Amino acid sequence: MTVESAKWKIDLIYESSYSPQNIIANQTYDFKIEIGDEGKWTSQLALICTQNGEPFKNCLISGIDGGCYFHLSTMDDNSQSVKLLDDELIISLGFTLASFDLDKMKFNWKIRPDMAEIFEFYDLEDDFLLRGELQIHRIDRNGNIKWSYGGRDIWVNPDGKEEVTIHKNKIELIDFESNRYLIDYNGKTIK
């Protein structure tokens, strides 16, 4: 996957711990960062960066636990697992949501807000609304959890219903059993 802005072009290359080959780890990187317990998890992500049209630095992030499905928001779907904000890459990595400083090649912050995997996030005012498996979390731009909201079941719907829909002044949530919840932007139940 590639994420671009006027300044940056970032190629993200993900390799699961279940991959039969270990291709990206055998490349040369300017930076290598382990985000989990060393050697415990072997899923990894290579960030190949171009700045202002010129090759920049690259980084290998290893120790990723959980699955990753990288996608950008679109006109039809405003969920995302990767977002480029100026010199910052916001990214959902299995159990971890992180902010990565592209200039410095280091994490600004990383959090594990859910006891299970996190799937994607949405823009909500000046914050992010994060869909975890067990809870919905509102996260500010500094990685602080403002609130968390749990339902009767997990936030995965096998019937294909959209789990999170953001409306003006309210958020609609659908859980595994298709229970419907309406909450306000402060995480309080409306209905």
N, C-alpha and C. Protein backbone atom coordinates (compact mmCIF):
# COMPACT_ATOMS: atom_id res chain seq x y z
N MET A 1 0.84 -1.18 0.00
CA MET A 1 0.00 0.00 0.00
C MET A 1 0.89 1.24 0.00
N THR A 2 0.42 2.28 -0.65
CA THR A 2 1.14 3.55 -0.69
C THR A 2 0.25 4.67 -0.17
N VAL A 3 0.84 5.52 0.68
CA VAL A 3 0.16 6.70 1.23
C VAL A 3 0.97 7.91 0.77
N GLU A 4 0.27 8.93 0.25
CA GLU A 4 0.99 10.09 -0.29
C GLU A 4 0.41 11.42 0.16
N SER A 5 1.28 12.40 0.22
CA SER A 5 0.89 13.80 0.40
C SER A 5 1.80 14.61 -0.52
N ALA A 6 1.69 15.92 -0.45
CA ALA A 6 2.57 16.76 -1.28
C ALA A 6 4.03 16.55 -0.91
N LYS A 7 4.31 16.27 0.35
CA LYS A 7 5.68 16.11 0.83
C LYS A 7 6.16 14.65 0.84
N TRP A 8 5.27 13.73 1.19
CA TRP A 8 5.66 12.34 1.45
C TRP A 8 5.04 11.34 0.48
N LYS A 9 5.79 10.29 0.24
CA LYS A 9 5.25 9.07 -0.36
C LYS A 9 5.78 7.94 0.52
N ILE A 10 4.87 7.19 1.12
CA ILE A 10 5.24 6.11 2.03
C ILE A 10 4.71 4.80 1.48
N ASP A 11 5.60 3.87 1.18
CA ASP A 11 5.20 2.52 0.80
C ASP A 11 5.21 1.67 2.05
N LEU A 12 4.07 1.03 2.33
CA LEU A 12 3.94 0.15 3.48
C LEU A 12 3.94 -1.29 2.97
N ILE A 13 4.87 -2.09 3.45
CA ILE A 13 4.97 -3.49 3.04
C ILE A 13 4.85 -4.34 4.30
N TYR A 14 3.77 -5.08 4.39
CA TYR A 14 3.47 -5.88 5.58
C TYR A 14 3.76 -7.35 5.33
N GLU A 15 4.33 -7.99 6.33
CA GLU A 15 4.58 -9.43 6.25
C GLU A 15 4.11 -10.07 7.55
N SER A 16 3.13 -10.93 7.44
CA SER A 16 2.56 -11.61 8.60
C SER A 16 3.52 -12.65 9.16
N SER A 17 3.36 -12.92 10.43
CA SER A 17 4.17 -13.97 11.06
C SER A 17 3.86 -15.34 10.45
N TYR A 18 2.71 -15.45 9.76
CA TYR A 18 2.32 -16.72 9.12
C TYR A 18 2.86 -16.85 7.70
N SER A 19 3.54 -15.82 7.23
CA SER A 19 4.09 -15.86 5.87
C SER A 19 5.16 -16.95 5.77
N PRO A 20 5.11 -17.74 4.72
CA PRO A 20 6.10 -18.82 4.59
C PRO A 20 7.52 -18.30 4.33
N GLN A 21 7.63 -17.07 3.85
CA GLN A 21 8.94 -16.49 3.58
C GLN A 21 9.15 -15.28 4.47
N ASN A 22 10.39 -15.03 4.78
CA ASN A 22 10.74 -13.87 5.60
C ASN A 22 11.55 -12.93 4.71
N ILE A 23 10.84 -12.24 3.82
CA ILE A 23 11.50 -11.44 2.79
C ILE A 23 11.91 -10.06 3.29
N ILE A 24 10.99 -9.31 3.92
CA ILE A 24 11.31 -7.92 4.22
C ILE A 24 12.34 -7.77 5.33
N ALA A 25 12.42 -8.72 6.24
CA ALA A 25 13.40 -8.61 7.33
C ALA A 25 14.83 -8.73 6.82
N ASN A 26 15.02 -9.34 5.68
CA ASN A 26 16.37 -9.56 5.15
C ASN A 26 16.87 -8.39 4.30
N GLN A 27 16.12 -7.29 4.27
CA GLN A 27 16.54 -6.10 3.54
C GLN A 27 17.36 -5.19 4.47
N THR A 28 17.93 -4.14 3.93
CA THR A 28 18.69 -3.17 4.72
C THR A 28 17.78 -2.00 5.07
N TYR A 29 17.81 -1.58 6.35
CA TYR A 29 16.98 -0.49 6.83
C TYR A 29 17.81 0.53 7.59
N ASP A 30 17.39 1.79 7.49
CA ASP A 30 18.05 2.84 8.27
C ASP A 30 17.71 2.71 9.75
N PHE A 31 16.49 2.25 10.02
CA PHE A 31 16.03 2.10 11.40
C PHE A 31 15.29 0.77 11.54
N LYS A 32 15.46 0.13 12.68
CA LYS A 32 14.70 -1.07 13.03
C LYS A 32 14.11 -0.83 14.42
N ILE A 33 12.79 -1.00 14.52
CA ILE A 33 12.10 -0.75 15.77
C ILE A 33 11.28 -1.98 16.13
N GLU A 34 11.41 -2.44 17.33
CA GLU A 34 10.64 -3.56 17.87
C GLU A 34 9.54 -2.97 18.76
N ILE A 35 8.27 -3.26 18.45
CA ILE A 35 7.20 -2.68 19.27
C ILE A 35 6.62 -3.66 20.28
N GLY A 36 6.94 -4.93 20.15
CA GLY A 36 6.42 -5.93 21.07
C GLY A 36 7.54 -6.53 21.89
N ASP A 37 7.24 -7.64 22.54
CA ASP A 37 8.27 -8.39 23.25
C ASP A 37 9.21 -8.98 22.21
N GLU A 38 10.48 -8.69 22.33
CA GLU A 38 11.44 -9.07 21.31
C GLU A 38 11.40 -10.56 21.02
N GLY A 39 11.23 -10.88 19.75
CA GLY A 39 11.22 -12.26 19.30
C GLY A 39 9.90 -12.99 19.52
N LYS A 40 8.98 -12.38 20.26
CA LYS A 40 7.71 -13.05 20.56
C LYS A 40 6.78 -13.02 19.35
N TRP A 41 6.67 -11.87 18.70
CA TRP A 41 5.82 -11.73 17.53
C TRP A 41 6.70 -11.39 16.33
N THR A 42 6.41 -11.98 15.22
CA THR A 42 7.30 -11.78 14.08
C THR A 42 6.64 -11.07 12.90
N SER A 43 5.39 -10.64 13.04
CA SER A 43 4.81 -9.85 11.95
C SER A 43 5.56 -8.53 11.90
N GLN A 44 5.74 -8.02 10.69
CA GLN A 44 6.56 -6.82 10.54
C GLN A 44 6.05 -5.95 9.40
N LEU A 45 6.45 -4.68 9.48
CA LEU A 45 6.04 -3.69 8.50
C LEU A 45 7.25 -2.89 8.08
N ALA A 46 7.46 -2.80 6.78
CA ALA A 46 8.53 -1.95 6.24
C ALA A 46 7.90 -0.65 5.76
N LEU A 47 8.51 0.47 6.16
CA LEU A 47 8.12 1.79 5.68
C LEU A 47 9.24 2.30 4.78
N ILE A 48 8.95 2.42 3.52
CA ILE A 48 9.92 2.94 2.54
C ILE A 48 9.47 4.36 2.22
N CYS A 49 10.27 5.34 2.58
CA CYS A 49 9.84 6.74 2.54
C CYS A 49 10.57 7.55 1.48
N THR A 50 9.79 8.36 0.79
CA THR A 50 10.30 9.35 -0.16
C THR A 50 9.82 10.71 0.32
N GLN A 51 10.73 11.67 0.38
CA GLN A 51 10.38 13.02 0.84
C GLN A 51 10.67 14.01 -0.28
N ASN A 52 9.66 14.79 -0.66
CA ASN A 52 9.80 15.77 -1.76
C ASN A 52 10.40 15.15 -3.01
N GLY A 53 9.97 13.93 -3.34
CA GLY A 53 10.41 13.25 -4.55
C GLY A 53 11.77 12.58 -4.48
N GLU A 54 12.46 12.68 -3.35
CA GLU A 54 13.78 12.08 -3.18
C GLU A 54 13.72 10.93 -2.18
N PRO A 55 14.48 9.87 -2.41
CA PRO A 55 14.51 8.79 -1.42
C PRO A 55 14.91 9.33 -0.05
N PHE A 56 14.20 8.91 0.97
CA PHE A 56 14.45 9.35 2.33
C PHE A 56 14.94 8.13 3.10
N LYS A 57 14.54 7.99 4.30
CA LYS A 57 14.94 6.87 5.13
C LYS A 57 13.89 5.77 5.04
N ASN A 58 14.28 4.59 5.51
CA ASN A 58 13.30 3.52 5.60
C ASN A 58 13.41 2.88 6.98
N CYS A 59 12.36 2.17 7.35
CA CYS A 59 12.29 1.63 8.71
C CYS A 59 11.59 0.28 8.69
N LEU A 60 12.07 -0.64 9.51
CA LEU A 60 11.41 -1.92 9.71
C LEU A 60 10.83 -1.92 11.11
N ILE A 61 9.51 -2.08 11.21
CA ILE A 61 8.83 -2.19 12.49
C ILE A 61 8.47 -3.65 12.68
N SER A 62 9.01 -4.27 13.71
CA SER A 62 8.71 -5.68 13.95
C SER A 62 8.07 -5.83 15.33
N GLY A 63 7.66 -7.05 15.63
CA GLY A 63 7.01 -7.32 16.90
C GLY A 63 5.54 -6.97 16.90
N ILE A 64 4.93 -6.95 15.72
CA ILE A 64 3.50 -6.62 15.61
C ILE A 64 2.69 -7.86 15.95
N ASP A 65 1.80 -7.72 16.94
CA ASP A 65 0.91 -8.83 17.29
C ASP A 65 -0.48 -8.52 16.77
N GLY A 66 -1.19 -9.54 16.33
CA GLY A 66 -2.51 -9.36 15.76
C GLY A 66 -2.43 -9.14 14.26
N GLY A 67 -3.56 -9.10 13.64
CA GLY A 67 -3.62 -8.94 12.19
C GLY A 67 -3.67 -7.49 11.78
N CYS A 68 -3.27 -7.22 10.56
CA CYS A 68 -3.30 -5.87 10.00
C CYS A 68 -3.99 -5.90 8.64
N TYR A 69 -4.89 -4.98 8.44
CA TYR A 69 -5.52 -4.77 7.15
C TYR A 69 -5.43 -3.28 6.87
N PHE A 70 -4.50 -2.89 6.02
CA PHE A 70 -4.25 -1.47 5.77
C PHE A 70 -5.20 -0.95 4.71
N HIS A 71 -5.87 0.16 5.05
CA HIS A 71 -6.76 0.82 4.09
C HIS A 71 -6.92 2.28 4.48
N LEU A 72 -7.20 3.09 3.46
CA LEU A 72 -7.44 4.52 3.63
C LEU A 72 -8.93 4.77 3.58
N SER A 73 -9.36 5.89 4.13
CA SER A 73 -10.77 6.24 4.01
C SER A 73 -11.07 6.61 2.56
N THR A 74 -12.31 6.39 2.18
CA THR A 74 -12.76 6.70 0.83
C THR A 74 -14.06 7.49 0.92
N MET A 75 -14.58 7.89 -0.20
CA MET A 75 -15.87 8.59 -0.23
C MET A 75 -16.99 7.68 0.30
N ASP A 76 -16.88 6.38 0.06
CA ASP A 76 -17.92 5.44 0.47
C ASP A 76 -17.70 4.88 1.87
N ASP A 77 -16.47 4.88 2.35
CA ASP A 77 -16.16 4.29 3.65
C ASP A 77 -15.16 5.20 4.36
N ASN A 78 -15.58 5.80 5.47
CA ASN A 78 -14.70 6.75 6.15
C ASN A 78 -13.83 6.10 7.22
N SER A 79 -13.83 4.76 7.28
CA SER A 79 -12.91 4.08 8.19
C SER A 79 -11.53 4.03 7.55
N GLN A 80 -10.52 3.91 8.39
CA GLN A 80 -9.14 3.85 7.89
C GLN A 80 -8.28 3.14 8.92
N SER A 81 -7.19 2.59 8.46
CA SER A 81 -6.21 2.00 9.38
C SER A 81 -4.86 2.69 9.24
N VAL A 82 -4.78 3.60 8.27
CA VAL A 82 -3.57 4.38 8.03
C VAL A 82 -4.00 5.80 7.65
N LYS A 83 -3.32 6.79 8.24
CA LYS A 83 -3.61 8.18 7.89
C LYS A 83 -2.32 8.99 7.97
N LEU A 84 -2.06 9.77 6.95
CA LEU A 84 -0.89 10.64 6.90
C LEU A 84 -1.32 12.06 7.26
N LEU A 85 -0.75 12.60 8.35
CA LEU A 85 -1.03 13.96 8.81
C LEU A 85 0.29 14.71 8.89
N ASP A 86 0.54 15.57 7.93
CA ASP A 86 1.80 16.32 7.88
C ASP A 86 2.98 15.34 7.91
N ASP A 87 3.79 15.34 8.98
CA ASP A 87 4.95 14.45 9.08
C ASP A 87 4.65 13.25 9.99
N GLU A 88 3.39 12.97 10.21
CA GLU A 88 2.97 11.93 11.15
C GLU A 88 2.12 10.88 10.44
N LEU A 89 2.43 9.62 10.70
CA LEU A 89 1.66 8.51 10.16
C LEU A 89 0.90 7.88 11.32
N ILE A 90 -0.44 7.94 11.28
CA ILE A 90 -1.27 7.27 12.28
C ILE A 90 -1.58 5.90 11.70
N ILE A 91 -1.34 4.86 12.50
CA ILE A 91 -1.46 3.53 11.94
C ILE A 91 -1.97 2.52 12.97
N SER A 92 -2.84 1.65 12.52
CA SER A 92 -3.39 0.57 13.34
C SER A 92 -2.57 -0.69 13.06
N LEU A 93 -1.90 -1.19 14.11
CA LEU A 93 -1.01 -2.34 13.98
C LEU A 93 -1.47 -3.47 14.92
N GLY A 94 -2.45 -4.24 14.50
CA GLY A 94 -2.91 -5.36 15.32
C GLY A 94 -3.56 -4.90 16.61
N PHE A 95 -2.86 -5.02 17.72
CA PHE A 95 -3.36 -4.60 19.03
C PHE A 95 -2.95 -3.16 19.36
N THR A 96 -2.18 -2.53 18.49
CA THR A 96 -1.58 -1.23 18.79
C THR A 96 -2.02 -0.15 17.81
N LEU A 97 -2.37 1.02 18.36
CA LEU A 97 -2.58 2.21 17.54
C LEU A 97 -1.39 3.10 17.81
N ALA A 98 -0.80 3.65 16.75
CA ALA A 98 0.44 4.40 16.93
C ALA A 98 0.49 5.64 16.06
N SER A 99 1.30 6.58 16.52
CA SER A 99 1.65 7.77 15.76
C SER A 99 3.15 7.69 15.51
N PHE A 100 3.54 7.71 14.24
CA PHE A 100 4.94 7.57 13.85
C PHE A 100 5.43 8.85 13.22
N ASP A 101 6.52 9.42 13.73
CA ASP A 101 7.13 10.63 13.21
C ASP A 101 8.03 10.25 12.04
N LEU A 102 7.66 10.65 10.84
CA LEU A 102 8.41 10.26 9.64
C LEU A 102 9.76 10.95 9.56
N ASP A 103 9.85 12.22 9.97
CA ASP A 103 11.14 12.92 9.94
C ASP A 103 12.16 12.27 10.88
N LYS A 104 11.71 11.94 12.08
CA LYS A 104 12.61 11.40 13.11
C LYS A 104 12.70 9.89 13.11
N MET A 105 11.80 9.24 12.34
CA MET A 105 11.75 7.78 12.28
C MET A 105 11.63 7.16 13.67
N LYS A 106 10.64 7.65 14.42
CA LYS A 106 10.39 7.11 15.75
C LYS A 106 8.92 7.31 16.09
N PHE A 107 8.44 6.54 17.05
CA PHE A 107 7.06 6.67 17.48
C PHE A 107 6.90 7.89 18.37
N ASN A 108 5.87 8.69 18.08
CA ASN A 108 5.46 9.77 18.98
C ASN A 108 4.76 9.16 20.18
N TRP A 109 3.90 8.19 19.89
CA TRP A 109 3.19 7.46 20.92
C TRP A 109 2.65 6.17 20.33
N LYS A 110 2.37 5.23 21.19
CA LYS A 110 1.69 3.99 20.80
C LYS A 110 0.90 3.51 22.00
N ILE A 111 -0.32 3.07 21.73
CA ILE A 111 -1.21 2.62 22.80
C ILE A 111 -1.85 1.29 22.44
N ARG A 112 -2.26 0.58 23.47
CA ARG A 112 -2.99 -0.68 23.32
C ARG A 112 -4.29 -0.53 24.11
N PRO A 113 -5.28 0.14 23.53
CA PRO A 113 -6.48 0.49 24.28
C PRO A 113 -7.46 -0.66 24.51
N ASP A 114 -7.38 -1.69 23.71
CA ASP A 114 -8.32 -2.80 23.78
C ASP A 114 -7.60 -4.05 24.24
N MET A 115 -8.31 -4.94 24.91
CA MET A 115 -7.70 -6.21 25.32
C MET A 115 -7.56 -7.16 24.13
N ALA A 116 -8.25 -6.85 23.05
CA ALA A 116 -8.19 -7.66 21.84
C ALA A 116 -7.71 -6.75 20.71
N GLU A 117 -7.88 -7.20 19.49
CA GLU A 117 -7.37 -6.43 18.36
C GLU A 117 -8.16 -5.15 18.14
N ILE A 118 -7.50 -4.20 17.50
CA ILE A 118 -8.17 -3.00 17.02
C ILE A 118 -8.21 -3.09 15.50
N PHE A 119 -9.28 -2.59 14.93
CA PHE A 119 -9.49 -2.78 13.50
C PHE A 119 -9.22 -1.54 12.66
N GLU A 120 -9.82 -0.44 13.07
CA GLU A 120 -9.75 0.76 12.24
C GLU A 120 -10.13 1.96 13.09
N PHE A 121 -9.95 3.14 12.51
CA PHE A 121 -10.33 4.36 13.20
C PHE A 121 -11.01 5.31 12.24
N TYR A 122 -11.68 6.29 12.81
CA TYR A 122 -12.44 7.28 12.08
C TYR A 122 -12.05 8.66 12.60
N ASP A 123 -12.17 9.68 11.76
CA ASP A 123 -11.98 11.04 12.22
C ASP A 123 -13.25 11.45 12.97
N LEU A 124 -13.08 12.02 14.16
CA LEU A 124 -14.20 12.50 14.95
C LEU A 124 -13.79 13.83 15.56
N GLU A 125 -14.31 14.91 15.00
CA GLU A 125 -13.90 16.25 15.38
C GLU A 125 -12.38 16.33 15.27
N ASP A 126 -11.66 16.70 16.33
CA ASP A 126 -10.19 16.75 16.27
C ASP A 126 -9.55 15.49 16.81
N ASP A 127 -10.32 14.43 16.99
CA ASP A 127 -9.85 13.18 17.58
C ASP A 127 -10.03 12.02 16.60
N PHE A 128 -9.78 10.82 17.12
CA PHE A 128 -10.03 9.59 16.38
C PHE A 128 -11.02 8.74 17.16
N LEU A 129 -11.92 8.10 16.47
CA LEU A 129 -12.80 7.11 17.06
C LEU A 129 -12.28 5.75 16.61
N LEU A 130 -11.90 4.93 17.54
CA LEU A 130 -11.22 3.67 17.26
C LEU A 130 -12.17 2.50 17.51
N ARG A 131 -12.31 1.62 16.52
CA ARG A 131 -13.11 0.40 16.70
C ARG A 131 -12.19 -0.74 17.08
N GLY A 132 -12.28 -1.11 18.35
CA GLY A 132 -11.58 -2.28 18.82
C GLY A 132 -12.53 -3.46 18.77
N GLU A 133 -12.02 -4.63 19.03
CA GLU A 133 -12.88 -5.80 19.03
C GLU A 133 -13.87 -5.75 20.20
N LEU A 134 -13.40 -5.29 21.36
CA LEU A 134 -14.23 -5.30 22.56
C LEU A 134 -14.85 -3.95 22.89
N GLN A 135 -14.18 -2.85 22.52
CA GLN A 135 -14.68 -1.53 22.88
C GLN A 135 -14.45 -0.53 21.75
N ILE A 136 -15.23 0.53 21.82
CA ILE A 136 -15.05 1.70 20.96
C ILE A 136 -14.33 2.73 21.83
N HIS A 137 -13.29 3.37 21.28
CA HIS A 137 -12.48 4.31 22.06
C HIS A 137 -12.38 5.64 21.33
N ARG A 138 -12.48 6.71 22.09
CA ARG A 138 -12.17 8.03 21.53
C ARG A 138 -10.77 8.39 21.98
N ILE A 139 -9.89 8.66 21.01
CA ILE A 139 -8.48 8.91 21.26
C ILE A 139 -8.15 10.32 20.76
N ASP A 140 -7.45 11.10 21.57
CA ASP A 140 -7.05 12.43 21.08
C ASP A 140 -5.78 12.32 20.22
N ARG A 141 -5.36 13.40 19.63
CA ARG A 141 -4.22 13.39 18.70
C ARG A 141 -2.89 13.13 19.40
N ASN A 142 -2.89 13.13 20.73
CA ASN A 142 -1.67 12.81 21.50
C ASN A 142 -1.67 11.38 22.02
N GLY A 143 -2.66 10.58 21.61
CA GLY A 143 -2.71 9.18 22.02
C GLY A 143 -3.36 8.93 23.37
N ASN A 144 -4.07 9.93 23.88
CA ASN A 144 -4.76 9.77 25.17
C ASN A 144 -6.17 9.26 24.93
N ILE A 145 -6.59 8.29 25.72
CA ILE A 145 -7.95 7.76 25.62
C ILE A 145 -8.88 8.69 26.38
N LYS A 146 -9.86 9.26 25.68
CA LYS A 146 -10.83 10.15 26.31
C LYS A 146 -11.96 9.36 26.95
N TRP A 147 -12.42 8.31 26.26
CA TRP A 147 -13.43 7.42 26.80
C TRP A 147 -13.45 6.12 26.01
N SER A 148 -14.05 5.10 26.62
CA SER A 148 -14.23 3.80 25.98
C SER A 148 -15.68 3.37 26.19
N TYR A 149 -16.22 2.64 25.21
CA TYR A 149 -17.61 2.23 25.27
C TYR A 149 -17.71 0.76 24.86
N GLY A 150 -18.34 -0.05 25.72
CA GLY A 150 -18.54 -1.46 25.43
C GLY A 150 -20.01 -1.77 25.24
N GLY A 151 -20.28 -2.79 24.44
CA GLY A 151 -21.66 -3.22 24.21
C GLY A 151 -21.89 -4.61 24.79
N ARG A 152 -22.94 -5.25 24.33
CA ARG A 152 -23.27 -6.60 24.80
C ARG A 152 -22.41 -7.67 24.15
N ASP A 153 -21.83 -7.35 23.00
CA ASP A 153 -21.01 -8.32 22.28
C ASP A 153 -19.88 -7.56 21.58
N ILE A 154 -19.08 -8.29 20.81
CA ILE A 154 -17.94 -7.67 20.15
C ILE A 154 -18.39 -6.77 19.00
N TRP A 155 -17.48 -5.88 18.57
CA TRP A 155 -17.79 -4.91 17.52
C TRP A 155 -17.39 -5.44 16.14
N VAL A 156 -17.90 -6.62 15.83
CA VAL A 156 -17.75 -7.24 14.52
C VAL A 156 -19.13 -7.76 14.16
N ASN A 157 -19.64 -7.40 12.99
CA ASN A 157 -20.97 -7.87 12.60
C ASN A 157 -20.87 -8.85 11.44
N PRO A 158 -21.23 -10.13 11.67
CA PRO A 158 -21.10 -11.14 10.62
C PRO A 158 -22.12 -10.98 9.49
N ASP A 159 -23.15 -10.15 9.70
CA ASP A 159 -24.16 -9.94 8.66
C ASP A 159 -23.80 -8.82 7.70
N GLY A 160 -22.63 -8.24 7.88
CA GLY A 160 -22.17 -7.19 6.97
C GLY A 160 -22.69 -5.81 7.28
N LYS A 161 -23.35 -5.65 8.43
CA LYS A 161 -23.82 -4.32 8.81
C LYS A 161 -22.63 -3.49 9.26
N GLU A 162 -22.67 -2.21 8.96
CA GLU A 162 -21.59 -1.31 9.33
C GLU A 162 -21.57 -1.13 10.84
N GLU A 163 -20.45 -1.49 11.47
CA GLU A 163 -20.35 -1.46 12.93
C GLU A 163 -20.36 -0.05 13.49
N VAL A 164 -19.81 0.90 12.75
CA VAL A 164 -19.70 2.28 13.23
C VAL A 164 -20.18 3.22 12.13
N THR A 165 -21.13 4.08 12.48
CA THR A 165 -21.58 5.13 11.57
C THR A 165 -21.63 6.43 12.38
N ILE A 166 -20.90 7.41 11.92
CA ILE A 166 -20.86 8.69 12.61
C ILE A 166 -21.85 9.64 11.94
N HIS A 167 -22.78 10.13 12.74
CA HIS A 167 -23.78 11.10 12.30
C HIS A 167 -23.48 12.43 12.98
N LYS A 168 -24.20 13.45 12.60
CA LYS A 168 -24.06 14.74 13.27
C LYS A 168 -24.52 14.58 14.72
N ASN A 169 -23.62 14.79 15.66
CA ASN A 169 -23.89 14.76 17.10
C ASN A 169 -24.18 13.38 17.69
N LYS A 170 -24.06 12.30 16.93
CA LYS A 170 -24.26 10.97 17.50
C LYS A 170 -23.51 9.92 16.69
N ILE A 171 -23.29 8.79 17.33
CA ILE A 171 -22.58 7.67 16.72
C ILE A 171 -23.48 6.45 16.84
N GLU A 172 -23.69 5.77 15.72
CA GLU A 172 -24.48 4.54 15.71
C GLU A 172 -23.51 3.36 15.68
N LEU A 173 -23.75 2.40 16.56
CA LEU A 173 -22.90 1.21 16.67
C LEU A 173 -23.75 -0.05 16.51
N ILE A 174 -23.19 -1.05 15.85
CA ILE A 174 -23.85 -2.35 15.67
C ILE A 174 -22.87 -3.43 16.13
N ASP A 175 -23.32 -4.33 17.01
CA ASP A 175 -22.42 -5.37 17.51
C ASP A 175 -22.62 -6.70 16.77
N PHE A 176 -22.00 -7.75 17.25
CA PHE A 176 -22.01 -9.07 16.63
C PHE A 176 -23.42 -9.62 16.45
N GLU A 177 -24.27 -9.39 17.44
CA GLU A 177 -25.64 -9.90 17.41
C GLU A 177 -26.61 -8.90 16.77
N SER A 178 -26.09 -7.88 16.12
CA SER A 178 -26.85 -6.81 15.47
C SER A 178 -27.63 -5.95 16.47
N ASN A 179 -27.18 -5.92 17.73
CA ASN A 179 -27.73 -4.96 18.69
C ASN A 179 -27.29 -3.58 18.23
N ARG A 180 -28.20 -2.61 18.32
CA ARG A 180 -27.93 -1.25 17.86
C ARG A 180 -27.81 -0.33 19.06
N TYR A 181 -26.81 0.55 19.01
CA TYR A 181 -26.54 1.51 20.09
C TYR A 181 -26.42 2.88 19.47
N LEU A 182 -26.92 3.88 20.18
CA LEU A 182 -26.70 5.27 19.80
C LEU A 182 -26.00 5.94 20.98
N ILE A 183 -24.85 6.54 20.71
CA ILE A 183 -24.12 7.25 21.75
C ILE A 183 -23.79 8.65 21.25
N ASP A 184 -23.54 9.55 22.20
CA ASP A 184 -23.13 10.89 21.80
C ASP A 184 -21.61 10.95 21.65
N TYR A 185 -21.10 12.09 21.27
CA TYR A 185 -19.66 12.23 21.04
C TYR A 185 -18.85 12.15 22.33
N ASN A 186 -19.53 12.13 23.48
CA ASN A 186 -18.85 11.96 24.78
C ASN A 186 -18.91 10.53 25.27
N GLY A 187 -19.40 9.61 24.44
CA GLY A 187 -19.45 8.20 24.82
C GLY A 187 -20.61 7.84 25.72
N LYS A 188 -21.62 8.68 25.81
CA LYS A 188 -22.79 8.44 26.66
C LYS A 188 -23.93 7.87 25.81
N THR A 189 -24.61 6.87 26.37
CA THR A 189 -25.71 6.22 25.66
C THR A 189 -26.88 7.18 25.48
N ILE A 190 -27.35 7.29 24.25
CA ILE A 190 -28.55 8.05 23.92
C ILE A 190 -29.74 7.10 23.93
N LYS A 191 -29.53 5.92 23.31
CA LYS A 191 -30.60 4.93 23.17
C LYS A 191 -30.02 3.54 23.20
